[in-house]
Amino acid sequence: MKVDVYKRPDSDGLFSYLVIPHQKPLPEEVTNTDWQMHERDVNFERDGRRHFTLQSEDAFVQISQKGYAITHLSDRAGDGAS
């Protein structure tokens, strides 16, 4: 699946990621936050690996339920690392 990846700084130097199917707009519920484009047109595969702090299967479930996937609080990354 092709996705666009957004990143935002959280507290304590941690970052969260938001994954949206490629060329879809940011969902209304996240437009009031500090999301910045991180990467466009990324291959996001259902391969059991972690992509941008998101477990691939969990991300696909989130996308099917709400149209996007977002990092869980416990899975945020430091220093903006993906």
PDB file of N, CA and C in Angstrom:
ATOM      1  N   MET A   1       0.847  -1.164   0.000  1.00  0.00           N
ATOM      2  CA  MET A   1       0.000   0.000   0.000  1.00  0.00           C
ATOM      3  C   MET A   1       0.899   1.236   0.000  1.00  0.00           C
ATOM      4  N   LYS A   2       0.565   2.205  -0.818  1.00  0.00           N
ATOM      5  CA  LYS A   2       1.290   3.471  -0.854  1.00  0.00           C
ATOM      6  C   LYS A   2       0.661   4.405   0.175  1.00  0.00           C
ATOM      7  N   VAL A   3       1.509   5.017   1.005  1.00  0.00           N
ATOM      8  CA  VAL A   3       1.029   5.913   2.048  1.00  0.00           C
ATOM      9  C   VAL A   3       1.854   7.193   2.079  1.00  0.00           C
ATOM     10  N   ASP A   4       1.292   8.202   2.721  1.00  0.00           N
ATOM     11  CA  ASP A   4       2.016   9.419   3.063  1.00  0.00           C
ATOM     12  C   ASP A   4       2.200   9.389   4.575  1.00  0.00           C
ATOM     13  N   VAL A   5       3.379   9.773   5.027  1.00  0.00           N
ATOM     14  CA  VAL A   5       3.725   9.691   6.442  1.00  0.00           C
ATOM     15  C   VAL A   5       3.950  11.095   6.989  1.00  0.00           C
ATOM     16  N   TYR A   6       3.283  11.389   8.087  1.00  0.00           N
ATOM     17  CA  TYR A   6       3.436  12.651   8.788  1.00  0.00           C
ATOM     18  C   TYR A   6       4.082  12.388  10.144  1.00  0.00           C
ATOM     19  N   LYS A   7       4.766  13.394  10.674  1.00  0.00           N
ATOM     20  CA  LYS A   7       5.453  13.268  11.953  1.00  0.00           C
ATOM     21  C   LYS A   7       5.138  14.507  12.778  1.00  0.00           C
ATOM     22  N   ARG A   8       5.072  14.334  14.110  1.00  0.00           N
ATOM     23  CA  ARG A   8       4.912  15.487  14.986  1.00  0.00           C
ATOM     24  C   ARG A   8       5.725  15.279  16.253  1.00  0.00           C
ATOM     25  N   PRO A   9       6.288  16.362  16.774  1.00  0.00           N
ATOM     26  CA  PRO A   9       7.023  16.252  18.033  1.00  0.00           C
ATOM     27  C   PRO A   9       6.047  16.171  19.205  1.00  0.00           C
ATOM     28  N   ASP A  10       6.344  15.303  20.134  1.00  0.00           N
ATOM     29  CA  ASP A  10       5.596  15.194  21.380  1.00  0.00           C
ATOM     30  C   ASP A  10       6.507  15.662  22.508  1.00  0.00           C
ATOM     31  N   SER A  11       6.096  15.470  23.710  1.00  0.00           N
ATOM     32  CA  SER A  11       6.915  15.882  24.847  1.00  0.00           C
ATOM     33  C   SER A  11       8.142  14.986  25.012  1.00  0.00           C
ATOM     34  N   ASP A  12       9.103  15.460  25.753  1.00  0.00           N
ATOM     35  CA  ASP A  12      10.307  14.695  26.101  1.00  0.00           C
ATOM     36  C   ASP A  12      11.121  14.245  24.892  1.00  0.00           C
ATOM     37  N   GLY A  13      11.068  14.993  23.794  1.00  0.00           N
ATOM     38  CA  GLY A  13      11.859  14.658  22.621  1.00  0.00           C
ATOM     39  C   GLY A  13      11.361  13.458  21.837  1.00  0.00           C
ATOM     40  N   LEU A  14      10.120  13.031  22.088  1.00  0.00           N
ATOM     41  CA  LEU A  14       9.551  11.888  21.377  1.00  0.00           C
ATOM     42  C   LEU A  14       8.738  12.368  20.177  1.00  0.00           C
ATOM     43  N   PHE A  15       8.584  11.487  19.182  1.00  0.00           N
ATOM     44  CA  PHE A  15       7.839  11.798  17.969  1.00  0.00           C
ATOM     45  C   PHE A  15       6.765  10.745  17.733  1.00  0.00           C
ATOM     46  N   SER A  16       5.639  11.181  17.190  1.00  0.00           N
ATOM     47  CA  SER A  16       4.572  10.292  16.766  1.00  0.00           C
ATOM     48  C   SER A  16       4.476  10.354  15.245  1.00  0.00           C
ATOM     49  N   TYR A  17       3.956   9.283  14.667  1.00  0.00           N
ATOM     50  CA  TYR A  17       3.782   9.200  13.218  1.00  0.00           C
ATOM     51  C   TYR A  17       2.324   8.947  12.883  1.00  0.00           C
ATOM     52  N   LEU A  18       1.908   9.513  11.768  1.00  0.00           N
ATOM     53  CA  LEU A  18       0.565   9.366  11.229  1.00  0.00           C
ATOM     54  C   LEU A  18       0.722   8.872   9.796  1.00  0.00           C
ATOM     55  N   VAL A  19       0.049   7.784   9.467  1.00  0.00           N
ATOM     56  CA  VAL A  19       0.139   7.182   8.135  1.00  0.00           C
ATOM     57  C   VAL A  19      -1.243   7.242   7.493  1.00  0.00           C
ATOM     58  N   ILE A  20      -1.290   7.806   6.286  1.00  0.00           N
ATOM     59  CA  ILE A  20      -2.536   7.984   5.550  1.00  0.00           C
ATOM     60  C   ILE A  20      -2.334   7.414   4.145  1.00  0.00           C
ATOM     61  N   PRO A  21      -3.333   6.706   3.595  1.00  0.00           N
ATOM     62  CA  PRO A  21      -3.193   6.260   2.217  1.00  0.00           C
ATOM     63  C   PRO A  21      -2.784   7.421   1.313  1.00  0.00           C
ATOM     64  N   HIS A  22      -1.885   7.148   0.388  1.00  0.00           N
ATOM     65  CA  HIS A  22      -1.290   8.171  -0.480  1.00  0.00           C
ATOM     66  C   HIS A  22      -2.342   9.074  -1.114  1.00  0.00           C
ATOM     67  N   GLN A  23      -2.096  10.362  -1.047  1.00  0.00           N
ATOM     68  CA  GLN A  23      -2.898  11.432  -1.634  1.00  0.00           C
ATOM     69  C   GLN A  23      -4.253  11.644  -0.965  1.00  0.00           C
ATOM     70  N   LYS A  24      -4.480  11.056   0.190  1.00  0.00           N
ATOM     71  CA  LYS A  24      -5.700  11.341   0.949  1.00  0.00           C
ATOM     72  C   LYS A  24      -5.416  12.554   1.837  1.00  0.00           C
ATOM     73  N   PRO A  25      -6.425  13.373   2.111  1.00  0.00           N
ATOM     74  CA  PRO A  25      -6.204  14.541   2.981  1.00  0.00           C
ATOM     75  C   PRO A  25      -6.062  14.120   4.437  1.00  0.00           C
ATOM     76  N   LEU A  26      -5.456  15.006   5.231  1.00  0.00           N
ATOM     77  CA  LEU A  26      -5.397  14.775   6.675  1.00  0.00           C
ATOM     78  C   LEU A  26      -6.815  14.699   7.219  1.00  0.00           C
ATOM     79  N   PRO A  27      -7.096  13.725   8.071  1.00  0.00           N
ATOM     80  CA  PRO A  27      -8.432  13.640   8.670  1.00  0.00           C
ATOM     81  C   PRO A  27      -8.719  14.873   9.530  1.00  0.00           C
ATOM     82  N   GLU A  28      -9.976  15.284   9.601  1.00  0.00           N
ATOM     83  CA  GLU A  28     -10.359  16.470  10.356  1.00  0.00           C
ATOM     84  C   GLU A  28      -9.898  16.413  11.805  1.00  0.00           C
ATOM     85  N   GLU A  29      -9.950  15.228  12.413  1.00  0.00           N
ATOM     86  CA  GLU A  29      -9.628  15.139  13.841  1.00  0.00           C
ATOM     87  C   GLU A  29      -8.151  15.358  14.150  1.00  0.00           C
ATOM     88  N   VAL A  30      -7.294  15.419  13.130  1.00  0.00           N
ATOM     89  CA  VAL A  30      -5.867  15.661  13.398  1.00  0.00           C
ATOM     90  C   VAL A  30      -5.364  16.981  12.799  1.00  0.00           C
ATOM     91  N   THR A  31      -6.225  17.745  12.179  1.00  0.00           N
ATOM     92  CA  THR A  31      -5.760  18.966  11.516  1.00  0.00           C
ATOM     93  C   THR A  31      -5.377  20.081  12.485  1.00  0.00           C
ATOM     94  N   ASN A  32      -5.775  19.985  13.740  1.00  0.00           N
ATOM     95  CA  ASN A  32      -5.435  21.015  14.716  1.00  0.00           C
ATOM     96  C   ASN A  32      -4.139  20.723  15.464  1.00  0.00           C
ATOM     97  N   THR A  33      -3.365  19.791  14.998  1.00  0.00           N
ATOM     98  CA  THR A  33      -2.104  19.456  15.658  1.00  0.00           C
ATOM     99  C   THR A  33      -0.934  19.793  14.746  1.00  0.00           C
ATOM    100  N   ASP A  34       0.261  19.497  15.191  1.00  0.00           N
ATOM    101  CA  ASP A  34       1.493  19.921  14.518  1.00  0.00           C
ATOM    102  C   ASP A  34       2.041  18.911  13.506  1.00  0.00           C
ATOM    103  N   TRP A  35       1.201  18.202  12.796  1.00  0.00           N
ATOM    104  CA  TRP A  35       1.693  17.191  11.854  1.00  0.00           C
ATOM    105  C   TRP A  35       2.440  17.864  10.708  1.00  0.00           C
ATOM    106  N   GLN A  36       3.622  17.330  10.397  1.00  0.00           N
ATOM    107  CA  GLN A  36       4.431  17.817   9.287  1.00  0.00           C
ATOM    108  C   GLN A  36       4.721  16.645   8.351  1.00  0.00           C
ATOM    109  N   MET A  37       4.737  16.933   7.059  1.00  0.00           N
ATOM    110  CA  MET A  37       5.037  15.880   6.091  1.00  0.00           C
ATOM    111  C   MET A  37       6.422  15.301   6.397  1.00  0.00           C
ATOM    112  N   HIS A  38       6.494  13.983   6.450  1.00  0.00           N
ATOM    113  CA  HIS A  38       7.770  13.291   6.692  1.00  0.00           C
ATOM    114  C   HIS A  38       8.230  12.606   5.404  1.00  0.00           C
ATOM    115  N   GLU A  39       7.353  11.801   4.796  1.00  0.00           N
ATOM    116  CA  GLU A  39       7.660  11.127   3.521  1.00  0.00           C
ATOM    117  C   GLU A  39       6.365  10.937   2.736  1.00  0.00           C
ATOM    118  N   ARG A  40       6.471  11.060   1.413  1.00  0.00           N
ATOM    119  CA  ARG A  40       5.313  10.840   0.527  1.00  0.00           C
ATOM    120  C   ARG A  40       5.504   9.562  -0.282  1.00  0.00           C
ATOM    121  N   ASP A  41       4.372   8.956  -0.624  1.00  0.00           N
ATOM    122  CA  ASP A  41       4.360   7.829  -1.562  1.00  0.00           C
ATOM    123  C   ASP A  41       5.291   6.697  -1.108  1.00  0.00           C
ATOM    124  N   VAL A  42       5.145   6.288   0.136  1.00  0.00           N
ATOM    125  CA  VAL A  42       5.977   5.255   0.747  1.00  0.00           C
ATOM    126  C   VAL A  42       5.301   3.896   0.596  1.00  0.00           C
ATOM    127  N   ASN A  43       6.068   2.873   0.296  1.00  0.00           N
ATOM    128  CA  ASN A  43       5.538   1.507   0.301  1.00  0.00           C
ATOM    129  C   ASN A  43       5.395   1.046   1.741  1.00  0.00           C
ATOM    130  N   PHE A  44       4.184   0.767   2.161  1.00  0.00           N
ATOM    131  CA  PHE A  44       3.910   0.293   3.518  1.00  0.00           C
ATOM    132  C   PHE A  44       3.346  -1.106   3.364  1.00  0.00           C
ATOM    133  N   GLU A  45       4.113  -2.090   3.750  1.00  0.00           N
ATOM    134  CA  GLU A  45       3.755  -3.487   3.502  1.00  0.00           C
ATOM    135  C   GLU A  45       3.257  -4.188   4.755  1.00  0.00           C
ATOM    136  N   ARG A  46       2.445  -5.170   4.550  1.00  0.00           N
ATOM    137  CA  ARG A  46       1.928  -6.025   5.625  1.00  0.00           C
ATOM    138  C   ARG A  46       2.926  -7.165   5.801  1.00  0.00           C
ATOM    139  N   ASP A  47       4.069  -6.838   6.383  1.00  0.00           N
ATOM    140  CA  ASP A  47       5.177  -7.797   6.438  1.00  0.00           C
ATOM    141  C   ASP A  47       5.593  -8.166   7.856  1.00  0.00           C
ATOM    142  N   GLY A  48       4.818  -7.725   8.858  1.00  0.00           N
ATOM    143  CA  GLY A  48       5.143  -8.055  10.234  1.00  0.00           C
ATOM    144  C   GLY A  48       6.208  -7.158  10.843  1.00  0.00           C
ATOM    145  N   ARG A  49       6.787  -6.279  10.051  1.00  0.00           N
ATOM    146  CA  ARG A  49       7.833  -5.381  10.557  1.00  0.00           C
ATOM    147  C   ARG A  49       7.223  -4.099  11.103  1.00  0.00           C
ATOM    148  N   ARG A  50       8.053  -3.317  11.740  1.00  0.00           N
ATOM    149  CA  ARG A  50       7.662  -2.008  12.253  1.00  0.00           C
ATOM    150  C   ARG A  50       8.052  -0.966  11.209  1.00  0.00           C
ATOM    151  N   HIS A  51       7.113  -0.100  10.887  1.00  0.00           N
ATOM    152  CA  HIS A  51       7.350   0.998   9.958  1.00  0.00           C
ATOM    153  C   HIS A  51       6.993   2.295  10.679  1.00  0.00           C
ATOM    154  N   PHE A  52       7.945   3.209  10.812  1.00  0.00           N
ATOM    155  CA  PHE A  52       7.677   4.501  11.445  1.00  0.00           C
ATOM    156  C   PHE A  52       7.043   4.323  12.825  1.00  0.00           C
ATOM    157  N   THR A  53       7.553   3.430  13.606  1.00  0.00           N
ATOM    158  CA  THR A  53       7.090   3.070  14.955  1.00  0.00           C
ATOM    159  C   THR A  53       5.745   2.346  14.958  1.00  0.00           C
ATOM    160  N   LEU A  54       5.166   2.072  13.810  1.00  0.00           N
ATOM    161  CA  LEU A  54       3.885   1.367  13.736  1.00  0.00           C
ATOM    162  C   LEU A  54       4.109  -0.090  13.345  1.00  0.00           C
ATOM    163  N   GLN A  55       3.491  -1.004  14.080  1.00  0.00           N
ATOM    164  CA  GLN A  55       3.494  -2.404  13.660  1.00  0.00           C
ATOM    165  C   GLN A  55       2.604  -2.501  12.427  1.00  0.00           C
ATOM    166  N   SER A  56       3.083  -3.176  11.399  1.00  0.00           N
ATOM    167  CA  SER A  56       2.362  -3.149  10.128  1.00  0.00           C
ATOM    168  C   SER A  56       0.932  -3.658  10.241  1.00  0.00           C
ATOM    169  N   GLU A  57       0.692  -4.757  10.924  1.00  0.00           N
ATOM    170  CA  GLU A  57      -0.665  -5.303  11.012  1.00  0.00           C
ATOM    171  C   GLU A  57      -1.588  -4.348  11.768  1.00  0.00           C
ATOM    172  N   ASP A  58      -1.103  -3.764  12.856  1.00  0.00           N
ATOM    173  CA  ASP A  58      -1.894  -2.797  13.610  1.00  0.00           C
ATOM    174  C   ASP A  58      -2.226  -1.584  12.735  1.00  0.00           C
ATOM    175  N   ALA A  59      -1.270  -1.125  11.956  1.00  0.00           N
ATOM    176  CA  ALA A  59      -1.500   0.021  11.070  1.00  0.00           C
ATOM    177  C   ALA A  59      -2.580  -0.290  10.042  1.00  0.00           C
ATOM    178  N   PHE A  60      -2.554  -1.473   9.459  1.00  0.00           N
ATOM    179  CA  PHE A  60      -3.576  -1.841   8.472  1.00  0.00           C
ATOM    180  C   PHE A  60      -4.959  -1.912   9.123  1.00  0.00           C
ATOM    181  N   VAL A  61      -5.026  -2.415  10.364  1.00  0.00           N
ATOM    182  CA  VAL A  61      -6.306  -2.456  11.081  1.00  0.00           C
ATOM    183  C   VAL A  61      -6.805  -1.030  11.322  1.00  0.00           C
ATOM    184  N   GLN A  62      -5.916  -0.151  11.806  1.00  0.00           N
ATOM    185  CA  GLN A  62      -6.311   1.241  12.051  1.00  0.00           C
ATOM    186  C   GLN A  62      -6.792   1.917  10.762  1.00  0.00           C
ATOM    187  N   ILE A  63      -6.069   1.702   9.672  1.00  0.00           N
ATOM    188  CA  ILE A  63      -6.452   2.323   8.390  1.00  0.00           C
ATOM    189  C   ILE A  63      -7.816   1.817   7.939  1.00  0.00           C
ATOM    190  N   SER A  64      -8.081   0.525   8.105  1.00  0.00           N
ATOM    191  CA  SER A  64      -9.378  -0.004   7.679  1.00  0.00           C
ATOM    192  C   SER A  64     -10.513   0.507   8.564  1.00  0.00           C
ATOM    193  N   GLN A  65     -10.220   0.788   9.844  1.00  0.00           N
ATOM    194  CA  GLN A  65     -11.259   1.256  10.757  1.00  0.00           C
ATOM    195  C   GLN A  65     -11.519   2.752  10.663  1.00  0.00           C
ATOM    196  N   LYS A  66     -10.456   3.551  10.556  1.00  0.00           N
ATOM    197  CA  LYS A  66     -10.653   4.998  10.609  1.00  0.00           C
ATOM    198  C   LYS A  66     -10.011   5.777   9.472  1.00  0.00           C
ATOM    199  N   GLY A  67      -9.359   5.083   8.542  1.00  0.00           N
ATOM    200  CA  GLY A  67      -8.796   5.753   7.372  1.00  0.00           C
ATOM    201  C   GLY A  67      -7.367   6.221   7.539  1.00  0.00           C
ATOM    202  N   TYR A  68      -6.788   6.045   8.723  1.00  0.00           N
ATOM    203  CA  TYR A  68      -5.402   6.417   8.988  1.00  0.00           C
ATOM    204  C   TYR A  68      -4.885   5.584  10.155  1.00  0.00           C
ATOM    205  N   ALA A  69      -3.578   5.596  10.332  1.00  0.00           N
ATOM    206  CA  ALA A  69      -2.959   4.917  11.474  1.00  0.00           C
ATOM    207  C   ALA A  69      -2.080   5.918  12.197  1.00  0.00           C
ATOM    208  N   ILE A  70      -2.045   5.799  13.508  1.00  0.00           N
ATOM    209  CA  ILE A  70      -1.269   6.726  14.320  1.00  0.00           C
ATOM    210  C   ILE A  70      -0.494   5.935  15.373  1.00  0.00           C
ATOM    211  N   THR A  71       0.678   6.438  15.718  1.00  0.00           N
ATOM    212  CA  THR A  71       1.521   5.814  16.726  1.00  0.00           C
ATOM    213  C   THR A  71       0.795   5.747  18.067  1.00  0.00           C
ATOM    214  N   HIS A  72       0.885   4.607  18.733  1.00  0.00           N
ATOM    215  CA  HIS A  72       0.386   4.491  20.099  1.00  0.00           C
ATOM    216  C   HIS A  72       1.355   5.226  21.022  1.00  0.00           C
ATOM    217  N   LEU A  73       0.854   5.776  22.108  1.00  0.00           N
ATOM    218  CA  LEU A  73       1.710   6.540  23.024  1.00  0.00           C
ATOM    219  C   LEU A  73       2.936   5.757  23.466  1.00  0.00           C
ATOM    220  N   SER A  74       2.776   4.471  23.720  1.00  0.00           N
ATOM    221  CA  SER A  74       3.909   3.669  24.202  1.00  0.00           C
ATOM    222  C   SER A  74       4.917   3.347  23.099  1.00  0.00           C
ATOM    223  N   ASP A  75       4.574   3.624  21.838  1.00  0.00           N
ATOM    224  CA  ASP A  75       5.464   3.295  20.717  1.00  0.00           C
ATOM    225  C   ASP A  75       6.130   4.505  20.092  1.00  0.00           C
ATOM    226  N   ARG A  76       6.042   5.661  20.712  1.00  0.00           N
ATOM    227  CA  ARG A  76       6.674   6.847  20.150  1.00  0.00           C
ATOM    228  C   ARG A  76       8.192   6.671  20.107  1.00  0.00           C
ATOM    229  N   ALA A  77       8.844   7.376  19.192  1.00  0.00           N
ATOM    230  CA  ALA A  77      10.285   7.236  19.003  1.00  0.00           C
ATOM    231  C   ALA A  77      11.006   8.524  19.396  1.00  0.00           C
ATOM    232  N   GLY A  78      12.209   8.369  19.919  1.00  0.00           N
ATOM    233  CA  GLY A  78      13.030   9.523  20.245  1.00  0.00           C
ATOM    234  C   GLY A  78      13.826   9.983  19.045  1.00  0.00           C
ATOM    235  N   ASP A  79      14.196  11.241  19.049  1.00  0.00           N
ATOM    236  CA  ASP A  79      15.053  11.835  18.016  1.00  0.00           C
ATOM    237  C   ASP A  79      14.483  11.737  16.618  1.00  0.00           C
ATOM    238  N   GLY A  80      13.184  11.518  16.487  1.00  0.00           N
ATOM    239  CA  GLY A  80      12.562  11.468  15.165  1.00  0.00           C
ATOM    240  C   GLY A  80      12.921  10.226  14.379  1.00  0.00           C
ATOM    241  N   ALA A  81      13.479   9.216  15.038  1.00  0.00           N
ATOM    242  CA  ALA A  81      13.898   7.993  14.334  1.00  0.00           C
ATOM    243  C   ALA A  81      12.679   7.232  13.855  1.00  0.00           C
ATOM    244  N   SER A  82      12.783   6.673  12.667  1.00  0.00           N
ATOM    245  CA  SER A  82      11.682   5.882  12.152  1.00  0.00           C
ATOM    246  C   SER A  82      11.929   4.419  12.369  1.00  0.00           C
TER     247      SER A  82
END
